[in-house]
Amino acid sequence: EEIKTYRRLVEGRRTDGLIVVRTRR
């Protein structure tokens, strides 16, 4: 679901940039 959220934001041009937190290895 998280990747789907990123896809909607990027492909729908809903934001100019993203901040990724709680990074995983």
mmCIF file of all heavy atoms, coordinates in Angstrom:
data_MODEL
# 
_entry.id   MODEL 
# 
loop_
_atom_site.group_PDB 
_atom_site.id 
_atom_site.type_symbol 
_atom_site.label_atom_id 
_atom_site.label_alt_id 
_atom_site.label_comp_id 
_atom_site.label_asym_id 
_atom_site.label_entity_id 
_atom_site.label_seq_id 
_atom_site.pdbx_PDB_ins_code 
_atom_site.Cartn_x 
_atom_site.Cartn_y 
_atom_site.Cartn_z 
_atom_site.occupancy 
_atom_site.B_iso_or_equiv 
_atom_site.pdbx_formal_charge 
_atom_site.auth_seq_id 
_atom_site.auth_comp_id 
_atom_site.auth_asym_id 
_atom_site.auth_atom_id 
_atom_site.pdbx_PDB_model_num 
ATOM 1   N N   . GLU A 1 1  ? 0.816  -1.210 0.000   1.00 0.00 ? 1  GLU A N   1 
ATOM 2   C CA  . GLU A 1 1  ? 0.000  0.000  0.000   1.00 0.00 ? 1  GLU A CA  1 
ATOM 3   C C   . GLU A 1 1  ? 0.850  1.261  0.000   1.00 0.00 ? 1  GLU A C   1 
ATOM 4   O O   . GLU A 1 1  ? 0.487  2.282  -0.590  1.00 0.00 ? 1  GLU A O   1 
ATOM 5   C CB  . GLU A 1 1  ? -0.947 0.004  1.213   1.00 0.00 ? 1  GLU A CB  1 
ATOM 6   C CG  . GLU A 1 1  ? -2.071 -0.993 1.118   1.00 0.00 ? 1  GLU A CG  1 
ATOM 7   C CD  . GLU A 1 1  ? -2.925 -0.774 -0.128  1.00 0.00 ? 1  GLU A CD  1 
ATOM 8   O OE1 . GLU A 1 1  ? -3.275 0.398  -0.401  1.00 0.00 ? 1  GLU A OE1 1 
ATOM 9   O OE2 . GLU A 1 1  ? -3.241 -1.754 -0.813  1.00 0.00 ? 1  GLU A OE2 1 
ATOM 10  N N   . GLU A 1 2  ? 2.000  1.161  0.646   1.00 0.00 ? 2  GLU A N   1 
ATOM 11  C CA  . GLU A 1 2  ? 2.895  2.307  0.694   1.00 0.00 ? 2  GLU A CA  1 
ATOM 12  C C   . GLU A 1 2  ? 3.432  2.647  -0.694  1.00 0.00 ? 2  GLU A C   1 
ATOM 13  O O   . GLU A 1 2  ? 3.462  3.815  -1.098  1.00 0.00 ? 2  GLU A O   1 
ATOM 14  C CB  . GLU A 1 2  ? 4.048  1.993  1.658   1.00 0.00 ? 2  GLU A CB  1 
ATOM 15  C CG  . GLU A 1 2  ? 4.868  3.188  2.069   1.00 0.00 ? 2  GLU A CG  1 
ATOM 16  C CD  . GLU A 1 2  ? 5.911  2.808  3.098   1.00 0.00 ? 2  GLU A CD  1 
ATOM 17  O OE1 . GLU A 1 2  ? 6.083  1.596  3.384   1.00 0.00 ? 2  GLU A OE1 1 
ATOM 18  O OE2 . GLU A 1 2  ? 6.577  3.718  3.602   1.00 0.00 ? 2  GLU A OE2 1 
ATOM 19  N N   . ILE A 1 3  ? 3.843  1.638  -1.439  1.00 0.00 ? 3  ILE A N   1 
ATOM 20  C CA  . ILE A 1 3  ? 4.335  1.866  -2.799  1.00 0.00 ? 3  ILE A CA  1 
ATOM 21  C C   . ILE A 1 3  ? 3.213  2.417  -3.681  1.00 0.00 ? 3  ILE A C   1 
ATOM 22  O O   . ILE A 1 3  ? 3.439  3.293  -4.528  1.00 0.00 ? 3  ILE A O   1 
ATOM 23  C CB  . ILE A 1 3  ? 4.906  0.567  -3.399  1.00 0.00 ? 3  ILE A CB  1 
ATOM 24  C CG1 . ILE A 1 3  ? 6.143  0.121  -2.620  1.00 0.00 ? 3  ILE A CG1 1 
ATOM 25  C CG2 . ILE A 1 3  ? 5.263  0.758  -4.872  1.00 0.00 ? 3  ILE A CG2 1 
ATOM 26  C CD1 . ILE A 1 3  ? 7.292  1.112  -2.661  1.00 0.00 ? 3  ILE A CD1 1 
ATOM 27  N N   . LYS A 1 4  ? 1.991  1.922  -3.493  1.00 0.00 ? 4  LYS A N   1 
ATOM 28  C CA  . LYS A 1 4  ? 0.856  2.453  -4.242  1.00 0.00 ? 4  LYS A CA  1 
ATOM 29  C C   . LYS A 1 4  ? 0.667  3.950  -3.964  1.00 0.00 ? 4  LYS A C   1 
ATOM 30  O O   . LYS A 1 4  ? 0.335  4.729  -4.870  1.00 0.00 ? 4  LYS A O   1 
ATOM 31  C CB  . LYS A 1 4  ? -0.425 1.688  -3.889  1.00 0.00 ? 4  LYS A CB  1 
ATOM 32  C CG  . LYS A 1 4  ? -0.491 0.282  -4.463  1.00 0.00 ? 4  LYS A CG  1 
ATOM 33  C CD  . LYS A 1 4  ? -1.799 -0.382 -4.060  1.00 0.00 ? 4  LYS A CD  1 
ATOM 34  C CE  . LYS A 1 4  ? -1.898 -1.801 -4.625  1.00 0.00 ? 4  LYS A CE  1 
ATOM 35  N NZ  . LYS A 1 4  ? -3.152 -2.474 -4.186  1.00 0.00 ? 4  LYS A NZ  1 
ATOM 36  N N   . THR A 1 5  ? 0.881  4.357  -2.712  1.00 0.00 ? 5  THR A N   1 
ATOM 37  C CA  . THR A 1 5  ? 0.763  5.772  -2.355  1.00 0.00 ? 5  THR A CA  1 
ATOM 38  C C   . THR A 1 5  ? 1.811  6.599  -3.087  1.00 0.00 ? 5  THR A C   1 
ATOM 39  O O   . THR A 1 5  ? 1.517  7.661  -3.652  1.00 0.00 ? 5  THR A O   1 
ATOM 40  C CB  . THR A 1 5  ? 0.913  5.949  -0.835  1.00 0.00 ? 5  THR A CB  1 
ATOM 41  O OG1 . THR A 1 5  ? -0.120 5.216  -0.163  1.00 0.00 ? 5  THR A OG1 1 
ATOM 42  C CG2 . THR A 1 5  ? 0.828  7.418  -0.446  1.00 0.00 ? 5  THR A CG2 1 
ATOM 43  N N   . TYR A 1 6  ? 3.059  6.110  -3.109  1.00 0.00 ? 6  TYR A N   1 
ATOM 44  C CA  . TYR A 1 6  ? 4.119  6.809  -3.839  1.00 0.00 ? 6  TYR A CA  1 
ATOM 45  C C   . TYR A 1 6  ? 3.781  6.898  -5.323  1.00 0.00 ? 6  TYR A C   1 
ATOM 46  O O   . TYR A 1 6  ? 3.990  7.931  -5.967  1.00 0.00 ? 6  TYR A O   1 
ATOM 47  C CB  . TYR A 1 6  ? 5.452  6.093  -3.646  1.00 0.00 ? 6  TYR A CB  1 
ATOM 48  C CG  . TYR A 1 6  ? 6.143  6.435  -2.349  1.00 0.00 ? 6  TYR A CG  1 
ATOM 49  C CD1 . TYR A 1 6  ? 5.826  5.767  -1.173  1.00 0.00 ? 6  TYR A CD1 1 
ATOM 50  C CD2 . TYR A 1 6  ? 7.112  7.426  -2.300  1.00 0.00 ? 6  TYR A CD2 1 
ATOM 51  C CE1 . TYR A 1 6  ? 6.456  6.076  0.020   1.00 0.00 ? 6  TYR A CE1 1 
ATOM 52  C CE2 . TYR A 1 6  ? 7.750  7.748  -1.109  1.00 0.00 ? 6  TYR A CE2 1 
ATOM 53  C CZ  . TYR A 1 6  ? 7.413  7.069  0.049   1.00 0.00 ? 6  TYR A CZ  1 
ATOM 54  O OH  . TYR A 1 6  ? 8.042  7.383  1.231   1.00 0.00 ? 6  TYR A OH  1 
ATOM 55  N N   . ARG A 1 7  ? 3.256  5.817  -5.882  1.00 0.00 ? 7  ARG A N   1 
ATOM 56  C CA  . ARG A 1 7  ? 2.915  5.801  -7.303  1.00 0.00 ? 7  ARG A CA  1 
ATOM 57  C C   . ARG A 1 7  ? 1.833  6.842  -7.612  1.00 0.00 ? 7  ARG A C   1 
ATOM 58  O O   . ARG A 1 7  ? 1.937  7.579  -8.608  1.00 0.00 ? 7  ARG A O   1 
ATOM 59  C CB  . ARG A 1 7  ? 2.436  4.400  -7.707  1.00 0.00 ? 7  ARG A CB  1 
ATOM 60  C CG  . ARG A 1 7  ? 2.198  4.248  -9.201  1.00 0.00 ? 7  ARG A CG  1 
ATOM 61  C CD  . ARG A 1 7  ? 1.682  2.857  -9.529  1.00 0.00 ? 7  ARG A CD  1 
ATOM 62  N NE  . ARG A 1 7  ? 2.663  1.831  -9.210  1.00 0.00 ? 7  ARG A NE  1 
ATOM 63  C CZ  . ARG A 1 7  ? 3.653  1.472  -10.004 1.00 0.00 ? 7  ARG A CZ  1 
ATOM 64  N NH1 . ARG A 1 7  ? 3.793  2.052  -11.184 1.00 0.00 ? 7  ARG A NH1 1 
ATOM 65  N NH2 . ARG A 1 7  ? 4.489  0.530  -9.632  1.00 0.00 ? 7  ARG A NH2 1 
ATOM 66  N N   . ARG A 1 8  ? 0.815  6.923  -6.766  1.00 0.00 ? 8  ARG A N   1 
ATOM 67  C CA  . ARG A 1 8  ? -0.248 7.912  -6.994  1.00 0.00 ? 8  ARG A CA  1 
ATOM 68  C C   . ARG A 1 8  ? 0.309  9.331  -6.951  1.00 0.00 ? 8  ARG A C   1 
ATOM 69  O O   . ARG A 1 8  ? -0.060 10.182 -7.766  1.00 0.00 ? 8  ARG A O   1 
ATOM 70  C CB  . ARG A 1 8  ? -1.349 7.760  -5.938  1.00 0.00 ? 8  ARG A CB  1 
ATOM 71  C CG  . ARG A 1 8  ? -2.264 6.569  -6.148  1.00 0.00 ? 8  ARG A CG  1 
ATOM 72  C CD  . ARG A 1 8  ? -3.542 6.714  -5.333  1.00 0.00 ? 8  ARG A CD  1 
ATOM 73  N NE  . ARG A 1 8  ? -3.265 6.858  -3.900  1.00 0.00 ? 8  ARG A NE  1 
ATOM 74  C CZ  . ARG A 1 8  ? -3.125 5.847  -3.058  1.00 0.00 ? 8  ARG A CZ  1 
ATOM 75  N NH1 . ARG A 1 8  ? -3.225 4.603  -3.503  1.00 0.00 ? 8  ARG A NH1 1 
ATOM 76  N NH2 . ARG A 1 8  ? -2.883 6.061  -1.784  1.00 0.00 ? 8  ARG A NH2 1 
ATOM 77  N N   . LEU A 1 9  ? 1.188  9.581  -6.002  1.00 0.00 ? 9  LEU A N   1 
ATOM 78  C CA  . LEU A 1 9  ? 1.748  10.923 -5.866  1.00 0.00 ? 9  LEU A CA  1 
ATOM 79  C C   . LEU A 1 9  ? 2.601  11.308 -7.067  1.00 0.00 ? 9  LEU A C   1 
ATOM 80  O O   . LEU A 1 9  ? 2.501  12.424 -7.596  1.00 0.00 ? 9  LEU A O   1 
ATOM 81  C CB  . LEU A 1 9  ? 2.589  11.001 -4.585  1.00 0.00 ? 9  LEU A CB  1 
ATOM 82  C CG  . LEU A 1 9  ? 1.824  10.991 -3.271  1.00 0.00 ? 9  LEU A CG  1 
ATOM 83  C CD1 . LEU A 1 9  ? 2.774  10.716 -2.109  1.00 0.00 ? 9  LEU A CD1 1 
ATOM 84  C CD2 . LEU A 1 9  ? 1.097  12.319 -3.054  1.00 0.00 ? 9  LEU A CD2 1 
ATOM 85  N N   . VAL A 1 10 ? 3.447  10.387 -7.505  1.00 0.00 ? 10 VAL A N   1 
ATOM 86  C CA  . VAL A 1 10 ? 4.392  10.690 -8.583  1.00 0.00 ? 10 VAL A CA  1 
ATOM 87  C C   . VAL A 1 10 ? 3.699  10.691 -9.936  1.00 0.00 ? 10 VAL A C   1 
ATOM 88  O O   . VAL A 1 10 ? 3.815  11.656 -10.705 1.00 0.00 ? 10 VAL A O   1 
ATOM 89  C CB  . VAL A 1 10 ? 5.554  9.675  -8.564  1.00 0.00 ? 10 VAL A CB  1 
ATOM 90  C CG1 . VAL A 1 10 ? 6.452  9.854  -9.789  1.00 0.00 ? 10 VAL A CG1 1 
ATOM 91  C CG2 . VAL A 1 10 ? 6.371  9.832  -7.286  1.00 0.00 ? 10 VAL A CG2 1 
ATOM 92  N N   . GLU A 1 11 ? 2.975  9.625  -10.242 1.00 0.00 ? 11 GLU A N   1 
ATOM 93  C CA  . GLU A 1 11 ? 2.358  9.521  -11.561 1.00 0.00 ? 11 GLU A CA  1 
ATOM 94  C C   . GLU A 1 11 ? 1.191  10.483 -11.723 1.00 0.00 ? 11 GLU A C   1 
ATOM 95  O O   . GLU A 1 11 ? 0.889  10.901 -12.841 1.00 0.00 ? 11 GLU A O   1 
ATOM 96  C CB  . GLU A 1 11 ? 1.919  8.077  -11.807 1.00 0.00 ? 11 GLU A CB  1 
ATOM 97  C CG  . GLU A 1 11 ? 3.110  7.115  -11.883 1.00 0.00 ? 11 GLU A CG  1 
ATOM 98  C CD  . GLU A 1 11 ? 2.692  5.677  -12.146 1.00 0.00 ? 11 GLU A CD  1 
ATOM 99  O OE1 . GLU A 1 11 ? 1.473  5.399  -12.135 1.00 0.00 ? 11 GLU A OE1 1 
ATOM 100 O OE2 . GLU A 1 11 ? 3.587  4.843  -12.344 1.00 0.00 ? 11 GLU A OE2 1 
ATOM 101 N N   . GLY A 1 12 ? 0.553  10.850 -10.615 1.00 0.00 ? 12 GLY A N   1 
ATOM 102 C CA  . GLY A 1 12 ? -0.532 11.839 -10.681 1.00 0.00 ? 12 GLY A CA  1 
ATOM 103 C C   . GLY A 1 12 ? -0.043 13.263 -10.573 1.00 0.00 ? 12 GLY A C   1 
ATOM 104 O O   . GLY A 1 12 ? -0.849 14.193 -10.563 1.00 0.00 ? 12 GLY A O   1 
ATOM 105 N N   . ARG A 1 13 ? 1.278  13.452 -10.467 1.00 0.00 ? 13 ARG A N   1 
ATOM 106 C CA  . ARG A 1 13 ? 1.883  14.778 -10.365 1.00 0.00 ? 13 ARG A CA  1 
ATOM 107 C C   . ARG A 1 13 ? 1.259  15.589 -9.233  1.00 0.00 ? 13 ARG A C   1 
ATOM 108 O O   . ARG A 1 13 ? 0.948  16.774 -9.374  1.00 0.00 ? 13 ARG A O   1 
ATOM 109 C CB  . ARG A 1 13 ? 1.769  15.532 -11.691 1.00 0.00 ? 13 ARG A CB  1 
ATOM 110 C CG  . ARG A 1 13 ? 2.506  14.848 -12.834 1.00 0.00 ? 13 ARG A CG  1 
ATOM 111 C CD  . ARG A 1 13 ? 2.444  15.646 -14.105 1.00 0.00 ? 13 ARG A CD  1 
ATOM 112 N NE  . ARG A 1 13 ? 3.161  14.987 -15.192 1.00 0.00 ? 13 ARG A NE  1 
ATOM 113 C CZ  . ARG A 1 13 ? 3.270  15.460 -16.416 1.00 0.00 ? 13 ARG A CZ  1 
ATOM 114 N NH1 . ARG A 1 13 ? 2.678  16.612 -16.730 1.00 0.00 ? 13 ARG A NH1 1 
ATOM 115 N NH2 . ARG A 1 13 ? 3.940  14.802 -17.343 1.00 0.00 ? 13 ARG A NH2 1 
ATOM 116 N N   . ARG A 1 14 ? 1.122  14.943 -8.084  1.00 0.00 ? 14 ARG A N   1 
ATOM 117 C CA  . ARG A 1 14 ? 0.497  15.586 -6.930  1.00 0.00 ? 14 ARG A CA  1 
ATOM 118 C C   . ARG A 1 14 ? 1.511  16.237 -5.998  1.00 0.00 ? 14 ARG A C   1 
ATOM 119 O O   . ARG A 1 14 ? 1.117  16.842 -4.996  1.00 0.00 ? 14 ARG A O   1 
ATOM 120 C CB  . ARG A 1 14 ? -0.337 14.567 -6.163  1.00 0.00 ? 14 ARG A CB  1 
ATOM 121 C CG  . ARG A 1 14 ? -1.442 13.939 -6.995  1.00 0.00 ? 14 ARG A CG  1 
ATOM 122 C CD  . ARG A 1 14 ? -2.238 12.943 -6.197  1.00 0.00 ? 14 ARG A CD  1 
ATOM 123 N NE  . ARG A 1 14 ? -3.246 12.279 -7.022  1.00 0.00 ? 14 ARG A NE  1 
ATOM 124 C CZ  . ARG A 1 14 ? -4.139 11.401 -6.560  1.00 0.00 ? 14 ARG A CZ  1 
ATOM 125 N NH1 . ARG A 1 14 ? -4.127 11.082 -5.277  1.00 0.00 ? 14 ARG A NH1 1 
ATOM 126 N NH2 . ARG A 1 14 ? -5.016 10.839 -7.371  1.00 0.00 ? 14 ARG A NH2 1 
ATOM 127 N N   . THR A 1 15 ? 2.780  16.077 -6.275  1.00 0.00 ? 15 THR A N   1 
ATOM 128 C CA  . THR A 1 15 ? 3.815  16.658 -5.434  1.00 0.00 ? 15 THR A CA  1 
ATOM 129 C C   . THR A 1 15 ? 5.058  16.877 -6.285  1.00 0.00 ? 15 THR A C   1 
ATOM 130 O O   . THR A 1 15 ? 5.225  16.264 -7.349  1.00 0.00 ? 15 THR A O   1 
ATOM 131 C CB  . THR A 1 15 ? 4.123  15.723 -4.238  1.00 0.00 ? 15 THR A CB  1 
ATOM 132 O OG1 . THR A 1 15 ? 4.971  16.399 -3.320  1.00 0.00 ? 15 THR A OG1 1 
ATOM 133 C CG2 . THR A 1 15 ? 4.797  14.431 -4.691  1.00 0.00 ? 15 THR A CG2 1 
ATOM 134 N N   . ASP A 1 16 ? 5.939  17.771 -5.812  1.00 0.00 ? 16 ASP A N   1 
ATOM 135 C CA  . ASP A 1 16 ? 7.185  18.042 -6.542  1.00 0.00 ? 16 ASP A CA  1 
ATOM 136 C C   . ASP A 1 16 ? 8.368  17.264 -5.987  1.00 0.00 ? 16 ASP A C   1 
ATOM 137 O O   . ASP A 1 16 ? 9.414  17.177 -6.639  1.00 0.00 ? 16 ASP A O   1 
ATOM 138 C CB  . ASP A 1 16 ? 7.515  19.538 -6.485  1.00 0.00 ? 16 ASP A CB  1 
ATOM 139 C CG  . ASP A 1 16 ? 6.503  20.377 -7.254  1.00 0.00 ? 16 ASP A CG  1 
ATOM 140 O OD1 . ASP A 1 16 ? 5.837  19.831 -8.155  1.00 0.00 ? 16 ASP A OD1 1 
ATOM 141 O OD2 . ASP A 1 16 ? 6.369  21.574 -6.938  1.00 0.00 ? 16 ASP A OD2 1 
ATOM 142 N N   . GLY A 1 17 ? 8.224  16.731 -4.784  1.00 0.00 ? 17 GLY A N   1 
ATOM 143 C CA  . GLY A 1 17 ? 9.327  15.996 -4.180  1.00 0.00 ? 17 GLY A CA  1 
ATOM 144 C C   . GLY A 1 17 ? 8.850  15.236 -2.962  1.00 0.00 ? 17 GLY A C   1 
ATOM 145 O O   . GLY A 1 17 ? 7.795  15.539 -2.390  1.00 0.00 ? 17 GLY A O   1 
ATOM 146 N N   . LEU A 1 18 ? 9.639  14.242 -2.547  1.00 0.00 ? 18 LEU A N   1 
ATOM 147 C CA  . LEU A 1 18 ? 9.230  13.366 -1.446  1.00 0.00 ? 18 LEU A CA  1 
ATOM 148 C C   . LEU A 1 18 ? 10.343 13.244 -0.410  1.00 0.00 ? 18 LEU A C   1 
ATOM 149 O O   . LEU A 1 18 ? 11.535 13.213 -0.747  1.00 0.00 ? 18 LEU A O   1 
ATOM 150 C CB  . LEU A 1 18 ? 8.883  11.978 -1.978  1.00 0.00 ? 18 LEU A CB  1 
ATOM 151 C CG  . LEU A 1 18 ? 7.550  11.890 -2.723  1.00 0.00 ? 18 LEU A CG  1 
ATOM 152 C CD1 . LEU A 1 18 ? 7.545  10.748 -3.723  1.00 0.00 ? 18 LEU A CD1 1 
ATOM 153 C CD2 . LEU A 1 18 ? 6.403  11.721 -1.725  1.00 0.00 ? 18 LEU A CD2 1 
ATOM 154 N N   . ILE A 1 19 ? 9.938  13.157 0.849   1.00 0.00 ? 19 ILE A N   1 
ATOM 155 C CA  . ILE A 1 19 ? 10.848 12.917 1.963   1.00 0.00 ? 19 ILE A CA  1 
ATOM 156 C C   . ILE A 1 19 ? 10.553 11.520 2.491   1.00 0.00 ? 19 ILE A C   1 
ATOM 157 O O   . ILE A 1 19 ? 9.421  11.230 2.899   1.00 0.00 ? 19 ILE A O   1 
ATOM 158 C CB  . ILE A 1 19 ? 10.651 13.957 3.071   1.00 0.00 ? 19 ILE A CB  1 
ATOM 159 C CG1 . ILE A 1 19 ? 10.890 15.366 2.517   1.00 0.00 ? 19 ILE A CG1 1 
ATOM 160 C CG2 . ILE A 1 19 ? 11.586 13.674 4.248   1.00 0.00 ? 19 ILE A CG2 1 
ATOM 161 C CD1 . ILE A 1 19 ? 10.306 16.463 3.373   1.00 0.00 ? 19 ILE A CD1 1 
ATOM 162 N N   . VAL A 1 20 ? 11.543 10.657 2.452   1.00 0.00 ? 20 VAL A N   1 
ATOM 163 C CA  . VAL A 1 20 ? 11.384 9.259  2.865   1.00 0.00 ? 20 VAL A CA  1 
ATOM 164 C C   . VAL A 1 20 ? 11.979 9.091  4.255   1.00 0.00 ? 20 VAL A C   1 
ATOM 165 O O   . VAL A 1 20 ? 13.145 9.424  4.479   1.00 0.00 ? 20 VAL A O   1 
ATOM 166 C CB  . VAL A 1 20 ? 12.082 8.306  1.870   1.00 0.00 ? 20 VAL A CB  1 
ATOM 167 C CG1 . VAL A 1 20 ? 11.902 6.857  2.295   1.00 0.00 ? 20 VAL A CG1 1 
ATOM 168 C CG2 . VAL A 1 20 ? 11.537 8.527  0.456   1.00 0.00 ? 20 VAL A CG2 1 
ATOM 169 N N   . VAL A 1 21 ? 11.185 8.580  5.186   1.00 0.00 ? 21 VAL A N   1 
ATOM 170 C CA  . VAL A 1 21 ? 11.655 8.385  6.560   1.00 0.00 ? 21 VAL A CA  1 
ATOM 171 C C   . VAL A 1 21 ? 11.560 6.912  6.949   1.00 0.00 ? 21 VAL A C   1 
ATOM 172 O O   . VAL A 1 21 ? 10.980 6.099  6.232   1.00 0.00 ? 21 VAL A O   1 
ATOM 173 C CB  . VAL A 1 21 ? 10.840 9.243  7.549   1.00 0.00 ? 21 VAL A CB  1 
ATOM 174 C CG1 . VAL A 1 21 ? 11.037 10.726 7.263   1.00 0.00 ? 21 VAL A CG1 1 
ATOM 175 C CG2 . VAL A 1 21 ? 9.354  8.898  7.490   1.00 0.00 ? 21 VAL A CG2 1 
ATOM 176 N N   . ARG A 1 22 ? 12.152 6.588  8.099   1.00 0.00 ? 22 ARG A N   1 
ATOM 177 C CA  . ARG A 1 22 ? 12.215 5.204  8.580   1.00 0.00 ? 22 ARG A CA  1 
ATOM 178 C C   . ARG A 1 22 ? 12.820 4.290  7.516   1.00 0.00 ? 22 ARG A C   1 
ATOM 179 O O   . ARG A 1 22 ? 12.228 3.280  7.116   1.00 0.00 ? 22 ARG A O   1 
ATOM 180 C CB  . ARG A 1 22 ? 10.831 4.691  8.973   1.00 0.00 ? 22 ARG A CB  1 
ATOM 181 C CG  . ARG A 1 22 ? 10.288 5.279  10.263  1.00 0.00 ? 22 ARG A CG  1 
ATOM 182 C CD  . ARG A 1 22 ? 8.964  4.627  10.603  1.00 0.00 ? 22 ARG A CD  1 
ATOM 183 N NE  . ARG A 1 22 ? 8.345  5.241  11.776  1.00 0.00 ? 22 ARG A NE  1 
ATOM 184 C CZ  . ARG A 1 22 ? 7.067  5.086  12.118  1.00 0.00 ? 22 ARG A CZ  1 
ATOM 185 N NH1 . ARG A 1 22 ? 6.273  4.359  11.363  1.00 0.00 ? 22 ARG A NH1 1 
ATOM 186 N NH2 . ARG A 1 22 ? 6.592  5.649  13.200  1.00 0.00 ? 22 ARG A NH2 1 
ATOM 187 N N   . THR A 1 23 ? 13.980 4.678  7.039   1.00 0.00 ? 23 THR A N   1 
ATOM 188 C CA  . THR A 1 23 ? 14.603 3.911  5.957   1.00 0.00 ? 23 THR A CA  1 
ATOM 189 C C   . THR A 1 23 ? 14.939 2.489  6.390   1.00 0.00 ? 23 THR A C   1 
ATOM 190 O O   . THR A 1 23 ? 15.319 2.239  7.535   1.00 0.00 ? 23 THR A O   1 
ATOM 191 C CB  . THR A 1 23 ? 15.879 4.602  5.464   1.00 0.00 ? 23 THR A CB  1 
ATOM 192 O OG1 . THR A 1 23 ? 16.696 4.936  6.587   1.00 0.00 ? 23 THR A OG1 1 
ATOM 193 C CG2 . THR A 1 23 ? 15.554 5.845  4.682   1.00 0.00 ? 23 THR A CG2 1 
ATOM 194 N N   . ARG A 1 24 ? 14.792 1.583  5.439   1.00 0.00 ? 24 ARG A N   1 
ATOM 195 C CA  . ARG A 1 24 ? 15.083 0.168  5.666   1.00 0.00 ? 24 ARG A CA  1 
ATOM 196 C C   . ARG A 1 24 ? 16.326 -0.215 4.878   1.00 0.00 ? 24 ARG A C   1 
ATOM 197 O O   . ARG A 1 24 ? 16.657 0.428  3.884   1.00 0.00 ? 24 ARG A O   1 
ATOM 198 C CB  . ARG A 1 24 ? 13.892 -0.675 5.217   1.00 0.00 ? 24 ARG A CB  1 
ATOM 199 C CG  . ARG A 1 24 ? 12.611 -0.282 5.950   1.00 0.00 ? 24 ARG A CG  1 
ATOM 200 C CD  . ARG A 1 24 ? 11.354 -0.553 5.138   1.00 0.00 ? 24 ARG A CD  1 
ATOM 201 N NE  . ARG A 1 24 ? 10.236 0.214  5.700   1.00 0.00 ? 24 ARG A NE  1 
ATOM 202 C CZ  . ARG A 1 24 ? 9.134  0.487  5.064   1.00 0.00 ? 24 ARG A CZ  1 
ATOM 203 N NH1 . ARG A 1 24 ? 8.980  0.079  3.817   1.00 0.00 ? 24 ARG A NH1 1 
ATOM 204 N NH2 . ARG A 1 24 ? 8.172  1.178  5.642   1.00 0.00 ? 24 ARG A NH2 1 
ATOM 205 N N   . ARG A 1 25 ? 16.975 -1.252 5.323   1.00 0.00 ? 25 ARG A N   1 
ATOM 206 C CA  . ARG A 1 25 ? 18.183 -1.696 4.617   1.00 0.00 ? 25 ARG A CA  1 
ATOM 207 C C   . ARG A 1 25 ? 17.846 -2.072 3.176   1.00 0.00 ? 25 ARG A C   1 
ATOM 208 O O   . ARG A 1 25 ? 18.543 -1.694 2.243   1.00 0.00 ? 25 ARG A O   1 
ATOM 209 C CB  . ARG A 1 25 ? 18.806 -2.873 5.367   1.00 0.00 ? 25 ARG A CB  1 
ATOM 210 C CG  . ARG A 1 25 ? 19.331 -2.499 6.743   1.00 0.00 ? 25 ARG A CG  1 
ATOM 211 C CD  . ARG A 1 25 ? 19.757 -3.723 7.524   1.00 0.00 ? 25 ARG A CD  1 
ATOM 212 N NE  . ARG A 1 25 ? 20.883 -4.388 6.886   1.00 0.00 ? 25 ARG A NE  1 
ATOM 213 C CZ  . ARG A 1 25 ? 21.336 -5.585 7.238   1.00 0.00 ? 25 ARG A CZ  1 
ATOM 214 N NH1 . ARG A 1 25 ? 20.736 -6.259 8.218   1.00 0.00 ? 25 ARG A NH1 1 
ATOM 215 N NH2 . ARG A 1 25 ? 22.374 -6.122 6.623   1.00 0.00 ? 25 ARG A NH2 1 
# 
